């Protein structure tokens, strides 16, 4: 891929679109690269935040024995063969009785690559709110409650932050609308938009094996990578080509998300914005030296792409990733 191809790929990723995953530039050492499988070695959870015009939040009352009677946002585990959106719509229909559509990804939460939760801002498009007369194993009932006066007990207080995140997004969107792109992937991996900036100049790290491309790192399932979270795969790739002890690396967040779920393609690809900077900048105006021949720094010359990157970096205009 020449500079034009790189520019097109970067524009697609910045626009929340996906790109096919053909291979990985970094993989965990000594770990078999078996495809990931839901219910076997990965668990994905979907969660929806609904806010109506009266600033009320949609909550469901739990039916499960361990938390029966408590309240929570509509959420549940994805099933094999589902897309992320299909899973979200199924869970909301089962637990709240409503049809819905996701508006944007709000947050991604992870406990290592084997457990990832996708949080969406969504809106109801039909259906009937589930009543106590319709209680079943999925939920006891659903209801709308004032955002500042939620019912108790809550199943967990982690939803309070998510409700506020949704309210803030509705008031002032920090990132563009981002929805999953339906593209197959066999692994849990990350495509890096790894940047180095100096004043108004931006460089992006590029992989050279095959055609030049935005590098991809596969997440590992070793205890160390599980404990460290998905950022470990980012650091592994960067360690393979940069001397990190004098650099500061920060994962800013997601630019997009890819998943299909069909034909046993249970993997996900997270398109991630990363910054690389010198801990002590001094007079350093060029990006850090790359070791080996598998990567290089591409100076982004296209003004539109450069301004988009700088804006996304300065405003942290990305979907947050939390542990």
C-alpha atoms as a PDB file:
ATOM      1  CA  UNK A   1       0.000   0.000   0.000  1.00  0.00           C
ATOM      2  CA  UNK A   2       1.563   3.289  -1.082  1.00  0.00           C
ATOM      3  CA  UNK A   3       0.985   6.600   0.692  1.00  0.00           C
ATOM      4  CA  UNK A   4      -2.384   6.962  -1.061  1.00  0.00           C
ATOM      5  CA  UNK A   5      -3.463   3.574   0.223  1.00  0.00           C
ATOM      6  CA  UNK A   6      -2.320   4.421   3.742  1.00  0.00           C
ATOM      7  CA  UNK A   7      -4.234   7.682   3.583  1.00  0.00           C
ATOM      8  CA  UNK A   8      -7.365   5.831   2.515  1.00  0.00           C
ATOM      9  CA  UNK A   9      -6.971   3.272   5.304  1.00  0.00           C
ATOM     10  CA  UNK A  10      -6.417   5.980   7.914  1.00  0.00           C
ATOM     11  CA  UNK A  11      -9.419   7.949   6.649  1.00  0.00           C
ATOM     12  CA  UNK A  12     -11.585   4.829   6.887  1.00  0.00           C
ATOM     13  CA  UNK A  13     -10.485   4.089  10.461  1.00  0.00           C
ATOM     14  CA  UNK A  14     -10.927   7.714  11.547  1.00  0.00           C
ATOM     15  CA  UNK A  15     -14.408   7.570  10.027  1.00  0.00           C
ATOM     16  CA  UNK A  16     -15.361   4.612  12.205  1.00  0.00           C
ATOM     17  CA  UNK A  17     -15.279   2.194   9.290  1.00  0.00           C
ATOM     18  CA  UNK A  18     -13.562  -1.167   9.347  1.00  0.00           C
ATOM     19  CA  UNK A  19     -10.774  -2.796   7.388  1.00  0.00           C
ATOM     20  CA  UNK A  20     -10.323  -6.516   6.878  1.00  0.00           C
ATOM     21  CA  UNK A  21      -7.854  -8.223   9.196  1.00  0.00           C
ATOM     22  CA  UNK A  22      -5.516 -10.364   7.080  1.00  0.00           C
ATOM     23  CA  UNK A  23      -2.686 -11.024   9.531  1.00  0.00           C
ATOM     24  CA  UNK A  24      -1.126  -9.747  12.743  1.00  0.00           C
ATOM     25  CA  UNK A  25       2.179  -7.915  13.123  1.00  0.00           C
ATOM     26  CA  UNK A  26       2.621  -9.015  16.733  1.00  0.00           C
ATOM     27  CA  UNK A  27       1.438 -12.224  18.402  1.00  0.00           C
ATOM     28  CA  UNK A  28       2.006 -13.603  21.919  1.00  0.00           C
ATOM     29  CA  UNK A  29       5.145 -15.728  22.158  1.00  0.00           C
ATOM     30  CA  UNK A  30       4.610 -19.447  22.703  1.00  0.00           C
ATOM     31  CA  UNK A  31       0.844 -19.237  22.582  1.00  0.00           C
ATOM     32  CA  UNK A  32      -1.183 -21.222  20.022  1.00  0.00           C
ATOM     33  CA  UNK A  33      -3.192 -18.946  17.745  1.00  0.00           C
ATOM     34  CA  UNK A  34      -6.482 -20.804  17.996  1.00  0.00           C
ATOM     35  CA  UNK A  35      -9.572 -18.842  16.908  1.00  0.00           C
ATOM     36  CA  UNK A  36     -11.546 -17.397  19.806  1.00  0.00           C
ATOM     37  CA  UNK A  37     -14.940 -18.935  20.591  1.00  0.00           C
ATOM     38  CA  UNK A  38     -17.777 -17.503  22.618  1.00  0.00           C
ATOM     39  CA  UNK A  39     -18.537 -19.551  25.740  1.00  0.00           C
ATOM     40  CA  UNK A  40     -15.191 -21.313  25.366  1.00  0.00           C
ATOM     41  CA  UNK A  41     -12.426 -18.762  25.753  1.00  0.00           C
ATOM     42  CA  UNK A  42     -14.129 -15.362  25.417  1.00  0.00           C
ATOM     43  CA  UNK A  43     -17.201 -13.682  26.881  1.00  0.00           C
ATOM     44  CA  UNK A  44     -18.715 -10.561  25.346  1.00  0.00           C
ATOM     45  CA  UNK A  45     -21.397  -8.585  27.191  1.00  0.00           C
ATOM     46  CA  UNK A  46     -23.692  -5.939  25.700  1.00  0.00           C
ATOM     47  CA  UNK A  47     -25.317  -3.180  27.749  1.00  0.00           C
ATOM     48  CA  UNK A  48     -27.725  -0.425  26.699  1.00  0.00           C
ATOM     49  CA  UNK A  49     -28.356   3.000  28.214  1.00  0.00           C
ATOM     50  CA  UNK A  50     -31.693   4.586  27.265  1.00  0.00           C
ATOM     51  CA  UNK A  51     -32.561   8.195  28.149  1.00  0.00           C
ATOM     52  CA  UNK A  52     -35.943   9.618  27.186  1.00  0.00           C
ATOM     53  CA  UNK A  53     -37.026  13.229  26.699  1.00  0.00           C
ATOM     54  CA  UNK A  54     -37.980  13.471  30.382  1.00  0.00           C
ATOM     55  CA  UNK A  55     -34.384  12.575  31.367  1.00  0.00           C
ATOM     56  CA  UNK A  56     -35.512   9.179  32.595  1.00  0.00           C
ATOM     57  CA  UNK A  57     -33.440   6.001  32.417  1.00  0.00           C
ATOM     58  CA  UNK A  58     -34.733   2.588  31.369  1.00  0.00           C
ATOM     59  CA  UNK A  59     -33.994  -0.014  34.056  1.00  0.00           C
ATOM     60  CA  UNK A  60     -34.935  -3.645  34.435  1.00  0.00           C
ATOM     61  CA  UNK A  61     -35.578  -5.579  37.638  1.00  0.00           C
ATOM     62  CA  UNK A  62     -33.422  -8.665  37.869  1.00  0.00           C
ATOM     63  CA  UNK A  63     -34.925 -12.162  38.079  1.00  0.00           C
ATOM     64  CA  UNK A  64     -31.714 -14.109  38.651  1.00  0.00           C
ATOM     65  CA  UNK A  65     -31.536 -15.787  42.066  1.00  0.00           C
ATOM     66  CA  UNK A  66     -28.325 -14.084  43.177  1.00  0.00           C
ATOM     67  CA  UNK A  67     -29.643 -10.556  42.488  1.00  0.00           C
ATOM     68  CA  UNK A  68     -33.435 -11.008  42.303  1.00  0.00           C
ATOM     69  CA  UNK A  69     -35.376  -7.785  42.823  1.00  0.00           C
ATOM     70  CA  UNK A  70     -32.422  -5.436  42.217  1.00  0.00           C
ATOM     71  CA  UNK A  71     -32.322  -2.952  39.335  1.00  0.00           C
ATOM     72  CA  UNK A  72     -29.862  -2.666  36.462  1.00  0.00           C
ATOM     73  CA  UNK A  73     -29.484  -1.473  32.892  1.00  0.00           C
ATOM     74  CA  UNK A  74     -30.560  -3.960  30.179  1.00  0.00           C
ATOM     75  CA  UNK A  75     -27.513  -6.171  29.637  1.00  0.00           C
ATOM     76  CA  UNK A  76     -26.452  -9.722  28.933  1.00  0.00           C
ATOM     77  CA  UNK A  77     -23.994 -12.075  27.311  1.00  0.00           C
ATOM     78  CA  UNK A  78     -23.729 -12.449  23.584  1.00  0.00           C
ATOM     79  CA  UNK A  79     -24.647 -15.796  22.065  1.00  0.00           C
ATOM     80  CA  UNK A  80     -22.667 -17.605  19.338  1.00  0.00           C
ATOM     81  CA  UNK A  81     -23.745 -16.573  15.845  1.00  0.00           C
ATOM     82  CA  UNK A  82     -24.937 -13.090  16.834  1.00  0.00           C
ATOM     83  CA  UNK A  83     -23.634  -9.733  15.756  1.00  0.00           C
ATOM     84  CA  UNK A  84     -23.108  -7.233  18.549  1.00  0.00           C
ATOM     85  CA  UNK A  85     -26.188  -5.254  17.511  1.00  0.00           C
ATOM     86  CA  UNK A  86     -28.341  -8.395  17.297  1.00  0.00           C
ATOM     87  CA  UNK A  87     -27.259  -9.358  20.808  1.00  0.00           C
ATOM     88  CA  UNK A  88     -28.116  -5.902  22.128  1.00  0.00           C
ATOM     89  CA  UNK A  89     -31.547  -5.937  20.510  1.00  0.00           C
ATOM     90  CA  UNK A  90     -32.283  -9.438  21.804  1.00  0.00           C
ATOM     91  CA  UNK A  91     -31.304  -8.607  25.373  1.00  0.00           C
ATOM     92  CA  UNK A  92     -33.368  -5.408  25.420  1.00  0.00           C
ATOM     93  CA  UNK A  93     -36.419  -7.215  24.013  1.00  0.00           C
ATOM     94  CA  UNK A  94     -36.110 -10.095  26.510  1.00  0.00           C
ATOM     95  CA  UNK A  95     -35.506  -7.928  29.561  1.00  0.00           C
ATOM     96  CA  UNK A  96     -37.460  -4.738  28.817  1.00  0.00           C
ATOM     97  CA  UNK A  97     -39.989  -5.719  26.118  1.00  0.00           C
ATOM     98  CA  UNK A  98     -38.806  -3.002  23.742  1.00  0.00           C
ATOM     99  CA  UNK A  99     -37.436  -2.964  20.225  1.00  0.00           C
ATOM    100  CA  UNK A 100     -34.424  -0.696  19.908  1.00  0.00           C
ATOM    101  CA  UNK A 101     -31.574   0.572  17.820  1.00  0.00           C
ATOM    102  CA  UNK A 102     -28.123   1.516  19.083  1.00  0.00           C
ATOM    103  CA  UNK A 103     -27.107   5.125  18.468  1.00  0.00           C
ATOM    104  CA  UNK A 104     -23.423   4.896  19.328  1.00  0.00           C
ATOM    105  CA  UNK A 105     -20.862   2.931  21.263  1.00  0.00           C
ATOM    106  CA  UNK A 106     -20.322   4.796  24.555  1.00  0.00           C
ATOM    107  CA  UNK A 107     -17.656   2.759  26.296  1.00  0.00           C
ATOM    108  CA  UNK A 108     -15.755  -0.511  26.177  1.00  0.00           C
ATOM    109  CA  UNK A 109     -14.887  -2.242  29.437  1.00  0.00           C
ATOM    110  CA  UNK A 110     -12.479  -5.149  29.705  1.00  0.00           C
ATOM    111  CA  UNK A 111     -10.958  -7.558  32.164  1.00  0.00           C
ATOM    112  CA  UNK A 112      -8.365  -8.777  29.736  1.00  0.00           C
ATOM    113  CA  UNK A 113      -9.238 -10.052  26.249  1.00  0.00           C
ATOM    114  CA  UNK A 114     -11.380 -12.914  27.578  1.00  0.00           C
ATOM    115  CA  UNK A 115     -14.097 -10.562  28.993  1.00  0.00           C
ATOM    116  CA  UNK A 116     -15.220  -7.448  27.120  1.00  0.00           C
ATOM    117  CA  UNK A 117     -18.384  -5.375  27.655  1.00  0.00           C
ATOM    118  CA  UNK A 118     -19.745  -3.095  24.933  1.00  0.00           C
ATOM    119  CA  UNK A 119     -21.816  -0.193  26.276  1.00  0.00           C
ATOM    120  CA  UNK A 120     -24.215   1.581  23.920  1.00  0.00           C
ATOM    121  CA  UNK A 121     -26.436   4.618  23.953  1.00  0.00           C
ATOM    122  CA  UNK A 122     -29.687   3.352  22.408  1.00  0.00           C
ATOM    123  CA  UNK A 123     -33.232   4.434  21.648  1.00  0.00           C
ATOM    124  CA  UNK A 124     -36.516   2.560  21.733  1.00  0.00           C
ATOM    125  CA  UNK A 125     -38.232   2.041  18.377  1.00  0.00           C
ATOM    126  CA  UNK A 126     -41.301   0.033  19.448  1.00  0.00           C
ATOM    127  CA  UNK A 127     -42.574  -2.801  21.589  1.00  0.00           C
ATOM    128  CA  UNK A 128     -44.291  -2.647  24.976  1.00  0.00           C
ATOM    129  CA  UNK A 129     -42.611  -2.028  28.298  1.00  0.00           C
ATOM    130  CA  UNK A 130     -42.444  -5.270  30.266  1.00  0.00           C
ATOM    131  CA  UNK A 131     -44.791  -5.350  33.282  1.00  0.00           C
ATOM    132  CA  UNK A 132     -44.680  -7.421  36.467  1.00  0.00           C
ATOM    133  CA  UNK A 133     -47.409  -9.630  34.980  1.00  0.00           C
ATOM    134  CA  UNK A 134     -44.923 -10.651  32.285  1.00  0.00           C
ATOM    135  CA  UNK A 135     -42.156 -11.571  34.737  1.00  0.00           C
ATOM    136  CA  UNK A 136     -39.999 -14.474  33.597  1.00  0.00           C
ATOM    137  CA  UNK A 137     -36.474 -15.832  33.956  1.00  0.00           C
ATOM    138  CA  UNK A 138     -35.070 -12.854  32.019  1.00  0.00           C
ATOM    139  CA  UNK A 139     -36.433 -10.089  34.264  1.00  0.00           C
ATOM    140  CA  UNK A 140     -39.279  -9.248  36.635  1.00  0.00           C
ATOM    141  CA  UNK A 141     -40.268  -5.966  34.955  1.00  0.00           C
ATOM    142  CA  UNK A 142     -38.883  -2.795  33.365  1.00  0.00           C
ATOM    143  CA  UNK A 143     -39.512   0.878  33.973  1.00  0.00           C
ATOM    144  CA  UNK A 144     -38.411   4.447  33.328  1.00  0.00           C
ATOM    145  CA  UNK A 145     -36.926   6.279  36.305  1.00  0.00           C
ATOM    146  CA  UNK A 146     -35.582   9.834  36.811  1.00  0.00           C
ATOM    147  CA  UNK A 147     -31.852   9.894  36.122  1.00  0.00           C
ATOM    148  CA  UNK A 148     -31.181  11.635  39.429  1.00  0.00           C
ATOM    149  CA  UNK A 149     -33.453   9.342  41.474  1.00  0.00           C
ATOM    150  CA  UNK A 150     -32.911   5.709  40.498  1.00  0.00           C
ATOM    151  CA  UNK A 151     -34.703   2.891  42.349  1.00  0.00           C
ATOM    152  CA  UNK A 152     -32.934   0.760  44.921  1.00  0.00           C
ATOM    153  CA  UNK A 153     -31.370  -1.608  45.412  1.00  0.00           C
ATOM    154  CA  UNK A 154     -29.144  -1.445  42.362  1.00  0.00           C
ATOM    155  CA  UNK A 155     -27.530  -4.712  41.315  1.00  0.00           C
ATOM    156  CA  UNK A 156     -24.230  -2.815  41.088  1.00  0.00           C
ATOM    157  CA  UNK A 157     -23.220   0.830  41.213  1.00  0.00           C
ATOM    158  CA  UNK A 158     -21.092   0.592  38.066  1.00  0.00           C
ATOM    159  CA  UNK A 159     -24.095   1.699  36.026  1.00  0.00           C
ATOM    160  CA  UNK A 160     -24.134   5.169  37.650  1.00  0.00           C
ATOM    161  CA  UNK A 161     -21.022   6.190  35.708  1.00  0.00           C
ATOM    162  CA  UNK A 162     -22.477   4.788  32.483  1.00  0.00           C
ATOM    163  CA  UNK A 163     -25.743   6.694  32.914  1.00  0.00           C
ATOM    164  CA  UNK A 164     -23.793   9.923  33.448  1.00  0.00           C
ATOM    165  CA  UNK A 165     -21.602   9.149  30.437  1.00  0.00           C
ATOM    166  CA  UNK A 166     -24.750   8.815  28.313  1.00  0.00           C
ATOM    167  CA  UNK A 167     -26.192  12.070  29.665  1.00  0.00           C
ATOM    168  CA  UNK A 168     -22.950  13.900  28.938  1.00  0.00           C
ATOM    169  CA  UNK A 169     -22.824  12.477  25.425  1.00  0.00           C
ATOM    170  CA  UNK A 170     -26.391  13.633  24.727  1.00  0.00           C
ATOM    171  CA  UNK A 171     -25.506  17.104  25.963  1.00  0.00           C
ATOM    172  CA  UNK A 172     -22.198  17.340  24.102  1.00  0.00           C
ATOM    173  CA  UNK A 173     -20.903  14.458  22.015  1.00  0.00           C
ATOM    174  CA  UNK A 174     -17.177  13.929  22.583  1.00  0.00           C
ATOM    175  CA  UNK A 175     -16.776  11.552  19.667  1.00  0.00           C
ATOM    176  CA  UNK A 176     -18.638  10.832  16.406  1.00  0.00           C
ATOM    177  CA  UNK A 177     -21.382   8.210  16.326  1.00  0.00           C
ATOM    178  CA  UNK A 178     -19.609   4.852  16.280  1.00  0.00           C
ATOM    179  CA  UNK A 179     -21.292   1.514  15.598  1.00  0.00           C
ATOM    180  CA  UNK A 180     -19.787  -1.963  15.110  1.00  0.00           C
ATOM    181  CA  UNK A 181     -18.693  -2.766  11.584  1.00  0.00           C
ATOM    182  CA  UNK A 182     -19.650  -6.276  10.496  1.00  0.00           C
ATOM    183  CA  UNK A 183     -16.349  -7.735   9.369  1.00  0.00           C
ATOM    184  CA  UNK A 184     -15.043 -11.199  10.284  1.00  0.00           C
ATOM    185  CA  UNK A 185     -12.137 -11.683  12.641  1.00  0.00           C
ATOM    186  CA  UNK A 186     -10.859 -14.892  14.227  1.00  0.00           C
ATOM    187  CA  UNK A 187      -8.866 -13.315  17.085  1.00  0.00           C
ATOM    188  CA  UNK A 188      -9.204 -10.588  19.685  1.00  0.00           C
ATOM    189  CA  UNK A 189      -6.882  -7.994  18.189  1.00  0.00           C
ATOM    190  CA  UNK A 190      -6.192  -4.289  17.924  1.00  0.00           C
ATOM    191  CA  UNK A 191      -5.374  -2.154  14.912  1.00  0.00           C
ATOM    192  CA  UNK A 192      -3.151   0.695  16.045  1.00  0.00           C
ATOM    193  CA  UNK A 193      -3.239   4.277  14.927  1.00  0.00           C
ATOM    194  CA  UNK A 194      -0.033   4.941  16.885  1.00  0.00           C
ATOM    195  CA  UNK A 195       0.895   8.607  16.589  1.00  0.00           C
ATOM    196  CA  UNK A 196       3.839  10.879  17.299  1.00  0.00           C
ATOM    197  CA  UNK A 197       3.190  14.618  17.110  1.00  0.00           C
ATOM    198  CA  UNK A 198       5.345  17.729  17.003  1.00  0.00           C
ATOM    199  CA  UNK A 199       3.510  21.057  16.856  1.00  0.00           C
ATOM    200  CA  UNK A 200       1.214  20.587  13.827  1.00  0.00           C
ATOM    201  CA  UNK A 201       3.006  17.572  12.347  1.00  0.00           C
ATOM    202  CA  UNK A 202       1.776  14.001  12.870  1.00  0.00           C
ATOM    203  CA  UNK A 203       3.515  10.709  12.164  1.00  0.00           C
ATOM    204  CA  UNK A 204       1.740   7.335  12.227  1.00  0.00           C
ATOM    205  CA  UNK A 205       3.448   3.977  12.769  1.00  0.00           C
ATOM    206  CA  UNK A 206       3.116   1.665   9.762  1.00  0.00           C
ATOM    207  CA  UNK A 207       3.763  -2.051   9.357  1.00  0.00           C
ATOM    208  CA  UNK A 208       5.720  -3.114   6.268  1.00  0.00           C
ATOM    209  CA  UNK A 209       5.232  -6.895   6.082  1.00  0.00           C
ATOM    210  CA  UNK A 210       3.223  -7.331   2.900  1.00  0.00           C
ATOM    211  CA  UNK A 211       1.787  -3.995   1.786  1.00  0.00           C
ATOM    212  CA  UNK A 212       2.317  -1.026   4.147  1.00  0.00           C
ATOM    213  CA  UNK A 213      -0.584  -0.981   6.623  1.00  0.00           C
ATOM    214  CA  UNK A 214      -1.759   0.159  10.040  1.00  0.00           C
ATOM    215  CA  UNK A 215      -0.217  -2.455  12.366  1.00  0.00           C
ATOM    216  CA  UNK A 216      -2.326  -5.104  14.122  1.00  0.00           C
ATOM    217  CA  UNK A 217      -1.485  -6.809  17.401  1.00  0.00           C
ATOM    218  CA  UNK A 218      -3.177  -9.994  18.630  1.00  0.00           C
ATOM    219  CA  UNK A 219      -4.255 -10.097  22.271  1.00  0.00           C
ATOM    220  CA  UNK A 220      -2.903 -12.993  24.296  1.00  0.00           C
ATOM    221  CA  UNK A 221      -4.614 -15.150  26.906  1.00  0.00           C
ATOM    222  CA  UNK A 222      -1.625 -15.812  29.148  1.00  0.00           C
ATOM    223  CA  UNK A 223      -2.130 -14.894  32.822  1.00  0.00           C
ATOM    224  CA  UNK A 224       0.136 -11.861  32.383  1.00  0.00           C
ATOM    225  CA  UNK A 225      -1.809 -10.481  29.420  1.00  0.00           C
ATOM    226  CA  UNK A 226      -5.102 -11.203  31.181  1.00  0.00           C
ATOM    227  CA  UNK A 227      -3.977  -9.318  34.293  1.00  0.00           C
ATOM    228  CA  UNK A 228      -2.541  -6.420  32.336  1.00  0.00           C
ATOM    229  CA  UNK A 229      -5.531  -6.040  30.056  1.00  0.00           C
ATOM    230  CA  UNK A 230      -5.655  -5.431  26.337  1.00  0.00           C
ATOM    231  CA  UNK A 231      -3.058  -2.635  26.557  1.00  0.00           C
ATOM    232  CA  UNK A 232      -0.447  -5.390  27.005  1.00  0.00           C
ATOM    233  CA  UNK A 233      -0.774  -6.349  23.344  1.00  0.00           C
ATOM    234  CA  UNK A 234      -0.182  -2.719  22.340  1.00  0.00           C
ATOM    235  CA  UNK A 235       2.954  -2.480  24.477  1.00  0.00           C
ATOM    236  CA  UNK A 236       4.209  -5.812  23.107  1.00  0.00           C
ATOM    237  CA  UNK A 237       4.029  -4.593  19.502  1.00  0.00           C
ATOM    238  CA  UNK A 238       5.668  -1.268  20.343  1.00  0.00           C
ATOM    239  CA  UNK A 239       8.441  -3.015  22.293  1.00  0.00           C
ATOM    240  CA  UNK A 240       9.225  -5.039  19.198  1.00  0.00           C
ATOM    241  CA  UNK A 241      10.088  -1.928  17.196  1.00  0.00           C
ATOM    242  CA  UNK A 242      10.827   0.903  19.657  1.00  0.00           C
ATOM    243  CA  UNK A 243      12.978   1.406  22.759  1.00  0.00           C
ATOM    244  CA  UNK A 244      10.228   2.143  25.260  1.00  0.00           C
ATOM    245  CA  UNK A 245      12.121   3.010  28.447  1.00  0.00           C
ATOM    246  CA  UNK A 246      12.463   6.661  27.375  1.00  0.00           C
ATOM    247  CA  UNK A 247       8.978   6.875  25.839  1.00  0.00           C
ATOM    248  CA  UNK A 248       5.493   7.536  27.215  1.00  0.00           C
ATOM    249  CA  UNK A 249       2.769   5.435  25.585  1.00  0.00           C
ATOM    250  CA  UNK A 250      -0.909   6.253  26.116  1.00  0.00           C
ATOM    251  CA  UNK A 251      -3.989   4.497  24.775  1.00  0.00           C
ATOM    252  CA  UNK A 252      -6.448   7.307  24.081  1.00  0.00           C
ATOM    253  CA  UNK A 253      -9.432   5.098  23.183  1.00  0.00           C
ATOM    254  CA  UNK A 254     -11.342   3.511  20.320  1.00  0.00           C
ATOM    255  CA  UNK A 255     -11.905   4.906  16.852  1.00  0.00           C
ATOM    256  CA  UNK A 256     -14.006   1.902  15.860  1.00  0.00           C
ATOM    257  CA  UNK A 257     -14.961  -1.707  16.430  1.00  0.00           C
ATOM    258  CA  UNK A 258     -15.178  -4.715  14.096  1.00  0.00           C
ATOM    259  CA  UNK A 259     -17.002  -7.997  14.677  1.00  0.00           C
ATOM    260  CA  UNK A 260     -19.207 -10.345  12.695  1.00  0.00           C
ATOM    261  CA  UNK A 261     -20.131 -13.347  14.808  1.00  0.00           C
ATOM    262  CA  UNK A 262     -21.235 -15.436  11.827  1.00  0.00           C
ATOM    263  CA  UNK A 263     -19.525 -18.585  10.552  1.00  0.00           C
ATOM    264  CA  UNK A 264     -17.667 -19.044  13.845  1.00  0.00           C
ATOM    265  CA  UNK A 265     -15.891 -15.689  13.471  1.00  0.00           C
ATOM    266  CA  UNK A 266     -16.104 -14.727  17.153  1.00  0.00           C
ATOM    267  CA  UNK A 267     -13.087 -12.432  17.200  1.00  0.00           C
ATOM    268  CA  UNK A 268     -13.136  -8.655  17.487  1.00  0.00           C
ATOM    269  CA  UNK A 269     -10.810  -5.993  16.148  1.00  0.00           C
ATOM    270  CA  UNK A 270     -10.595  -2.764  18.109  1.00  0.00           C
ATOM    271  CA  UNK A 271      -9.270   0.206  16.140  1.00  0.00           C
ATOM    272  CA  UNK A 272      -7.282   2.090  18.782  1.00  0.00           C
ATOM    273  CA  UNK A 273      -5.762   5.574  18.912  1.00  0.00           C
ATOM    274  CA  UNK A 274      -2.396   5.554  20.711  1.00  0.00           C
ATOM    275  CA  UNK A 275       0.125   8.313  21.424  1.00  0.00           C
ATOM    276  CA  UNK A 276       3.890   7.852  21.632  1.00  0.00           C
ATOM    277  CA  UNK A 277       5.973  10.675  23.113  1.00  0.00           C
ATOM    278  CA  UNK A 278       9.396  11.225  24.631  1.00  0.00           C
ATOM    279  CA  UNK A 279       9.336  11.365  28.436  1.00  0.00           C
ATOM    280  CA  UNK A 280      11.840  14.222  28.233  1.00  0.00           C
ATOM    281  CA  UNK A 281      11.166  15.890  24.873  1.00  0.00           C
ATOM    282  CA  UNK A 282      14.085  18.326  24.915  1.00  0.00           C
ATOM    283  CA  UNK A 283      14.852  19.249  21.328  1.00  0.00           C
ATOM    284  CA  UNK A 284      13.447  16.004  19.872  1.00  0.00           C
ATOM    285  CA  UNK A 285      11.336  16.961  16.862  1.00  0.00           C
ATOM    286  CA  UNK A 286      11.362  13.636  15.013  1.00  0.00           C
ATOM    287  CA  UNK A 287       9.674  10.380  16.101  1.00  0.00           C
ATOM    288  CA  UNK A 288      11.733   7.777  17.986  1.00  0.00           C
ATOM    289  CA  UNK A 289      13.986   5.539  15.924  1.00  0.00           C
ATOM    290  CA  UNK A 290      12.412   2.286  14.718  1.00  0.00           C
ATOM    291  CA  UNK A 291      14.365  -0.951  15.144  1.00  0.00           C
ATOM    292  CA  UNK A 292      14.353  -3.475  12.316  1.00  0.00           C
ATOM    293  CA  UNK A 293      12.631  -3.320   8.955  1.00  0.00           C
ATOM    294  CA  UNK A 294       9.050  -4.320   9.835  1.00  0.00           C
ATOM    295  CA  UNK A 295       7.827  -0.822  10.753  1.00  0.00           C
ATOM    296  CA  UNK A 296       8.396   2.822   9.863  1.00  0.00           C
ATOM    297  CA  UNK A 297       6.980   6.234  10.777  1.00  0.00           C
ATOM    298  CA  UNK A 298       4.762   7.678   8.056  1.00  0.00           C
ATOM    299  CA  UNK A 299       4.554  11.472   8.022  1.00  0.00           C
ATOM    300  CA  UNK A 300       0.923  12.380   7.355  1.00  0.00           C
ATOM    301  CA  UNK A 301       0.987  15.063   4.663  1.00  0.00           C
ATOM    302  CA  UNK A 302      -2.744  15.213   3.813  1.00  0.00           C
ATOM    303  CA  UNK A 303      -4.049  18.318   5.571  1.00  0.00           C
ATOM    304  CA  UNK A 304      -7.509  16.911   6.222  1.00  0.00           C
ATOM    305  CA  UNK A 305      -6.165  13.738   7.831  1.00  0.00           C
ATOM    306  CA  UNK A 306      -3.614  15.704   9.815  1.00  0.00           C
ATOM    307  CA  UNK A 307      -6.256  18.073  11.197  1.00  0.00           C
ATOM    308  CA  UNK A 308      -8.604  15.161  11.983  1.00  0.00           C
ATOM    309  CA  UNK A 309      -5.878  13.358  13.899  1.00  0.00           C
ATOM    310  CA  UNK A 310      -4.854  16.451  15.842  1.00  0.00           C
ATOM    311  CA  UNK A 311      -8.472  17.206  16.717  1.00  0.00           C
ATOM    312  CA  UNK A 312      -9.171  13.642  17.881  1.00  0.00           C
ATOM    313  CA  UNK A 313      -5.986  13.707  19.971  1.00  0.00           C
ATOM    314  CA  UNK A 314      -6.483  17.143  21.505  1.00  0.00           C
ATOM    315  CA  UNK A 315     -10.147  16.580  22.365  1.00  0.00           C
ATOM    316  CA  UNK A 316      -9.787  12.860  23.251  1.00  0.00           C
ATOM    317  CA  UNK A 317     -12.527  12.313  20.689  1.00  0.00           C
ATOM    318  CA  UNK A 318     -12.594   8.528  21.124  1.00  0.00           C
ATOM    319  CA  UNK A 319     -14.652   5.855  22.860  1.00  0.00           C
ATOM    320  CA  UNK A 320     -13.090   5.278  26.293  1.00  0.00           C
ATOM    321  CA  UNK A 321     -11.692   1.866  27.194  1.00  0.00           C
ATOM    322  CA  UNK A 322     -11.922   1.062  30.916  1.00  0.00           C
ATOM    323  CA  UNK A 323     -10.772  -1.743  33.181  1.00  0.00           C
END
